[in-house]
Protein backbone atom coordinates (compact mmCIF):
# COMPACT_ATOMS: atom_id res chain seq x y z
CA MET A 1 192.41 206.39 48.42
CA SER A 2 192.54 207.97 52.04
CA GLY A 3 190.85 211.50 50.14
CA THR A 4 187.89 209.46 48.81
CA ARG A 5 184.55 209.79 51.15
CA ARG A 6 183.02 206.50 50.92
CA VAL A 7 179.24 206.84 50.70
CA ARG A 8 176.76 204.81 53.06
CA PRO A 9 173.84 203.46 51.97
CA SER A 10 170.26 204.77 52.77
CA PRO A 11 167.65 202.79 54.37
CA GLY A 12 165.26 202.95 51.16
CA ALA A 13 168.16 201.60 49.16
CA ALA A 14 168.56 198.87 51.38
CA ILE A 15 164.91 197.96 51.95
CA ALA A 16 164.45 198.09 48.21
CA SER A 17 167.72 195.88 47.34
CA SER A 18 165.85 193.47 50.19
CA PRO A 19 161.87 192.27 49.31
CA TRP A 20 161.87 189.60 51.80
CA ILE A 21 162.12 192.24 54.58
CA ILE A 22 158.85 193.82 53.05
CA VAL A 23 157.45 190.27 53.34
CA SER A 24 158.17 189.53 56.51
CA ILE A 25 156.65 192.84 57.90
CA GLY A 26 153.50 192.19 55.87
CA VAL A 27 153.47 188.83 57.90
CA ILE A 28 153.64 190.18 61.17
CA VAL A 29 151.22 192.60 60.31
CA MET A 30 148.72 189.93 59.84
CA VAL A 31 149.61 188.00 62.56
CA VAL A 32 149.06 190.99 65.01
CA LEU A 33 145.57 191.95 63.16
CA LEU A 34 145.01 188.09 63.34
CA VAL A 35 145.29 187.79 66.86
CA VAL A 36 143.31 191.02 67.84
CA ALA A 37 140.50 190.07 65.95
CA LEU A 38 140.19 186.48 68.18
CA GLY A 39 140.48 188.74 71.24
CA SER A 40 137.29 190.39 69.79
CA VAL A 41 135.24 187.55 68.92
CA ARG A 42 136.21 186.02 72.53
CA GLY A 43 135.04 189.02 73.96
CA ARG A 44 131.62 188.76 72.34
CA ARG A 45 129.08 185.92 72.81
CA THR A 46 127.50 184.75 69.26
CA PHE A 47 125.92 181.98 70.49
CA ALA A 48 122.62 181.86 72.58
CA GLU A 49 123.48 180.18 76.36
CA ALA A 50 122.59 176.64 76.86
CA PRO A 51 119.07 176.23 78.37
CA PRO A 52 119.30 175.16 81.97
CA PRO A 53 118.85 171.72 82.95
CA ALA A 54 115.67 170.37 83.55
CA PRO A 55 114.82 170.32 87.71
CA THR A 56 114.98 166.30 88.53
CA MET A 57 112.52 164.74 91.03
CA SER A 58 114.21 163.34 93.66
CA LEU A 59 112.38 160.20 95.24
CA PRO A 60 111.43 159.91 99.29
CA GLU A 61 114.13 157.18 100.75
CA LEU A 62 112.41 154.54 102.11
CA PRO A 63 112.82 154.18 105.94
CA PRO A 64 115.33 151.59 107.03
CA THR A 65 113.61 148.77 107.57
CA THR A 66 113.96 147.59 111.66
CA PRO A 67 113.75 144.30 112.63
CA ALA A 68 110.86 143.01 114.98
CA ALA A 69 112.21 142.12 118.06
CA SER A 70 110.87 139.33 119.94
CA THR A 71 111.85 139.60 123.82
CA ALA A 72 110.16 136.38 124.85
CA SER A 73 112.30 134.53 127.08
CA THR A 74 113.03 130.82 126.67
CA ALA A 75 112.58 128.60 129.58
CA SER A 76 116.47 128.75 130.31
CA GLY A 77 115.96 132.33 130.90
CA GLN A 78 117.80 133.19 127.53
CA VAL A 79 116.44 135.96 125.69
CA ALA A 80 115.65 135.05 121.91
CA ARG A 81 117.03 136.52 119.10
CA PRO A 82 115.37 139.27 117.46
CA THR A 83 113.66 137.58 114.08
CA THR A 84 113.70 140.38 111.25
CA SER A 85 110.86 140.18 108.62
CA ALA A 86 111.74 139.50 104.99
CA ALA A 87 109.25 142.22 103.46
CA GLY A 88 109.71 146.21 103.86
CA PRO A 89 107.44 148.51 104.92
CA VAL A 90 104.61 149.53 102.22
CA VAL A 91 105.16 153.39 101.08
CA PRO A 92 102.38 154.71 99.69
CA GLY A 93 102.83 155.52 95.94
CA LEU A 94 105.80 153.42 95.26
CA SER A 95 104.56 150.00 96.03
CA PRO A 96 104.56 147.81 93.09
CA ARG A 97 101.85 147.21 91.35
CA SER A 98 100.62 143.83 90.47
CA THR A 99 100.27 142.39 86.91
CA VAL A 100 98.32 139.21 87.46
CA LEU A 101 94.89 140.62 85.90
CA PRO A 102 91.88 138.69 88.17
CA ALA A 103 90.33 135.67 86.10
CA ARG A 104 87.13 136.54 84.54
CA PRO A 105 83.93 134.71 85.93
CA THR A 106 82.89 131.61 83.40
CA PRO A 107 79.18 132.64 82.71
CA SER A 108 77.00 129.45 83.86
CA PRO A 109 73.98 128.19 81.02
CA PRO A 110 70.59 129.51 82.69
CA ALA A 111 68.65 126.90 84.09
CA GLY A 112 66.24 124.68 81.86
CA THR A 113 68.78 124.74 79.00
CA GLY A 114 70.30 121.98 79.15
CA THR A 115 73.08 120.32 76.54
CA ALA A 116 73.13 117.07 74.73
CA ARG A 117 75.66 115.20 75.77
CA PRO A 118 77.82 112.78 73.45
CA GLY A 119 76.70 109.14 74.22
CA GLY A 120 73.45 110.13 75.84
CA PRO A 121 70.54 108.11 74.75
CA PRO A 122 69.27 108.92 71.57
CA ALA A 123 65.90 111.48 70.33
CA PRO A 124 62.81 110.05 70.52
CA ALA A 125 61.29 109.21 67.11
CA PRO A 126 58.74 111.39 66.40
CA PRO A 127 55.05 109.91 67.16
CA ALA A 128 53.17 108.50 63.65
CA PRO A 129 50.34 110.58 61.71
CA PRO A 130 47.24 109.95 63.19
CA VAL A 131 46.20 109.21 59.22
CA THR A 132 48.77 106.75 57.42
CA GLY A 133 48.74 105.60 54.05
CA ARG A 134 49.74 102.78 51.79
CA TYR A 135 50.38 103.14 48.03
CA GLY A 136 49.77 100.54 45.78
CA VAL A 137 48.76 99.57 42.25
CA VAL A 138 45.11 98.54 41.41
CA ASN A 139 45.75 97.88 37.44
CA SER A 140 48.23 98.92 34.66
CA PHE A 141 47.47 99.10 30.97
CA ASP A 142 48.78 100.29 27.73
CA GLY A 143 49.27 103.81 27.88
CA GLY A 144 48.21 104.36 31.95
CA PHE A 145 46.97 102.73 35.50
CA ILE A 146 44.83 102.88 38.06
CA GLY A 147 46.37 103.42 41.54
CA GLU A 148 45.27 103.52 45.04
CA VAL A 149 46.44 104.80 48.76
CA ARG A 150 44.85 103.10 51.16
CA LEU A 151 44.07 105.25 54.46
CA VAL A 152 43.92 104.32 57.87
CA ASN A 153 42.92 106.47 61.03
CA THR A 154 45.18 105.23 64.07
CA ALA A 155 43.71 108.05 65.99
CA GLY A 156 41.14 107.94 68.79
CA THR A 157 39.05 110.77 67.06
CA ALA A 158 37.41 111.46 63.61
CA ARG A 159 40.74 113.11 61.63
CA GLY A 160 40.40 114.54 58.10
CA TRP A 161 43.60 113.87 55.94
CA THR A 162 45.16 115.09 52.57
CA VAL A 163 46.94 112.96 49.99
CA ARG A 164 49.63 114.48 47.89
CA LEU A 165 51.64 112.49 44.51
CA THR A 166 54.41 113.86 42.56
CA PHE A 167 54.49 112.41 38.70
CA PRO A 168 57.35 113.73 36.52
CA ARG A 169 54.94 113.95 33.82
CA GLY A 170 51.36 112.78 32.73
CA ARG A 171 47.62 113.09 33.02
CA LEU A 172 44.96 112.73 35.56
CA VAL A 173 42.15 111.61 34.10
CA ALA A 174 39.64 110.68 37.38
CA ALA A 175 40.10 110.65 41.32
CA TRP A 176 37.69 109.02 43.63
CA VAL A 177 37.23 107.40 47.05
CA SER A 178 35.26 104.48 47.18
CA GLY A 179 32.35 103.88 49.91
CA ALA A 180 32.96 107.20 51.54
CA GLU A 181 31.92 110.74 50.88
CA GLN A 182 33.67 112.29 47.83
CA GLY A 183 36.38 115.04 48.08
CA SER A 184 38.09 117.74 46.39
CA GLY A 185 41.11 117.22 44.38
CA ASP A 186 43.64 118.66 41.59
CA PHE A 187 46.44 118.08 39.18
CA THR A 188 49.09 120.99 39.38
CA ASP A 189 52.63 121.05 37.84
CA GLY A 190 53.25 117.16 38.33
CA VAL A 191 51.36 117.33 41.65
CA PHE A 192 48.13 115.64 42.44
CA THR A 193 46.57 117.05 45.82
CA TYR A 194 42.83 115.47 47.19
CA ARG A 195 41.53 116.50 50.28
CA SER A 196 38.96 114.17 52.31
CA GLY A 197 35.19 115.58 52.14
CA VAL A 198 34.07 114.11 55.35
CA ASP A 199 36.65 113.25 58.24
CA LEU A 200 37.31 109.65 58.76
CA ALA A 201 36.10 107.68 61.75
CA PRO A 202 38.59 106.12 64.30
CA GLY A 203 40.43 102.58 63.31
CA ALA A 204 38.27 103.08 59.84
CA SER A 205 40.06 102.60 56.58
CA VAL A 206 39.20 103.73 53.03
CA PRO A 207 40.80 103.78 49.65
CA LEU A 208 42.04 106.69 47.83
CA GLN A 209 42.10 105.77 43.95
CA PHE A 210 42.88 107.72 40.50
CA HIS A 211 43.17 106.76 36.90
CA PHE A 212 46.70 108.48 35.33
CA GLU A 213 47.76 108.17 31.34
CA GLN A 214 51.02 108.77 30.11
CA THR A 215 53.28 109.01 33.05
CA GLY A 216 55.93 106.28 32.00
CA THR A 217 55.60 105.05 35.44
CA THR A 218 53.28 103.73 38.22
CA LYS A 219 55.59 104.95 40.79
CA PRO A 220 55.30 108.43 42.18
CA THR A 221 58.32 110.48 42.84
CA SER A 222 56.72 110.96 46.36
CA CYS A 223 53.83 109.92 48.11
CA ALA A 224 52.46 111.64 51.20
CA VAL A 225 49.57 111.75 53.77
CA ASP A 226 49.78 114.76 55.60
CA GLY A 227 53.21 115.48 55.16
CA ALA A 228 53.82 111.95 56.23
CA ALA A 229 55.38 109.40 53.74
CA CYS A 230 53.69 106.81 52.52
CA SER A 231 54.59 103.00 52.60
CA GLY A 232 54.30 100.64 49.51
CA LEU A 233 56.78 102.34 47.55
């Protein structure tokens, strides 16, 4: 045994027989490369710088309120203590604004336009027409009748007049004024209209008579003299 030489293993054979050595070397190399890469990234600025902050506006400081000292001496010779004012000085541009809006003036009604008050005196009745009329039936028979409107002038001067009668149906045979000059009349669409031929004297009375047939009734739907309703209906 002393005559045999012991052969030493070569480094390559040792590495080849231990593969974990190669893996460890690779991991170390990757860690070194990662450290180098992080160092280079930190040295560069890849993001834009943040904009500078907006300048802030500083408000002027209010001056300290100085109490208004009252140096009036009393009768005993003692000096009265200074009195402080509750309200501080008003700084232009910093005084609080009032949020109370001024009241709107109430418009007054124009002169001469009075309003009706509830509970006041009732409105006066319209004046009576100068010429009034009263409706009546003179004679009635089978198929027709003779009626009249007696006219009276209540005015102080002579007045003309117009009579209007309304019947739902029928036929006008004749119309005339007894004891006075005749006027003009017609019967259209169920409305009989007669206008005086001469003015009626103050206080005078005259009858307007008419003959109707096939009206079915002796009472008209309406009767008016110069727009005022007749009586007697």
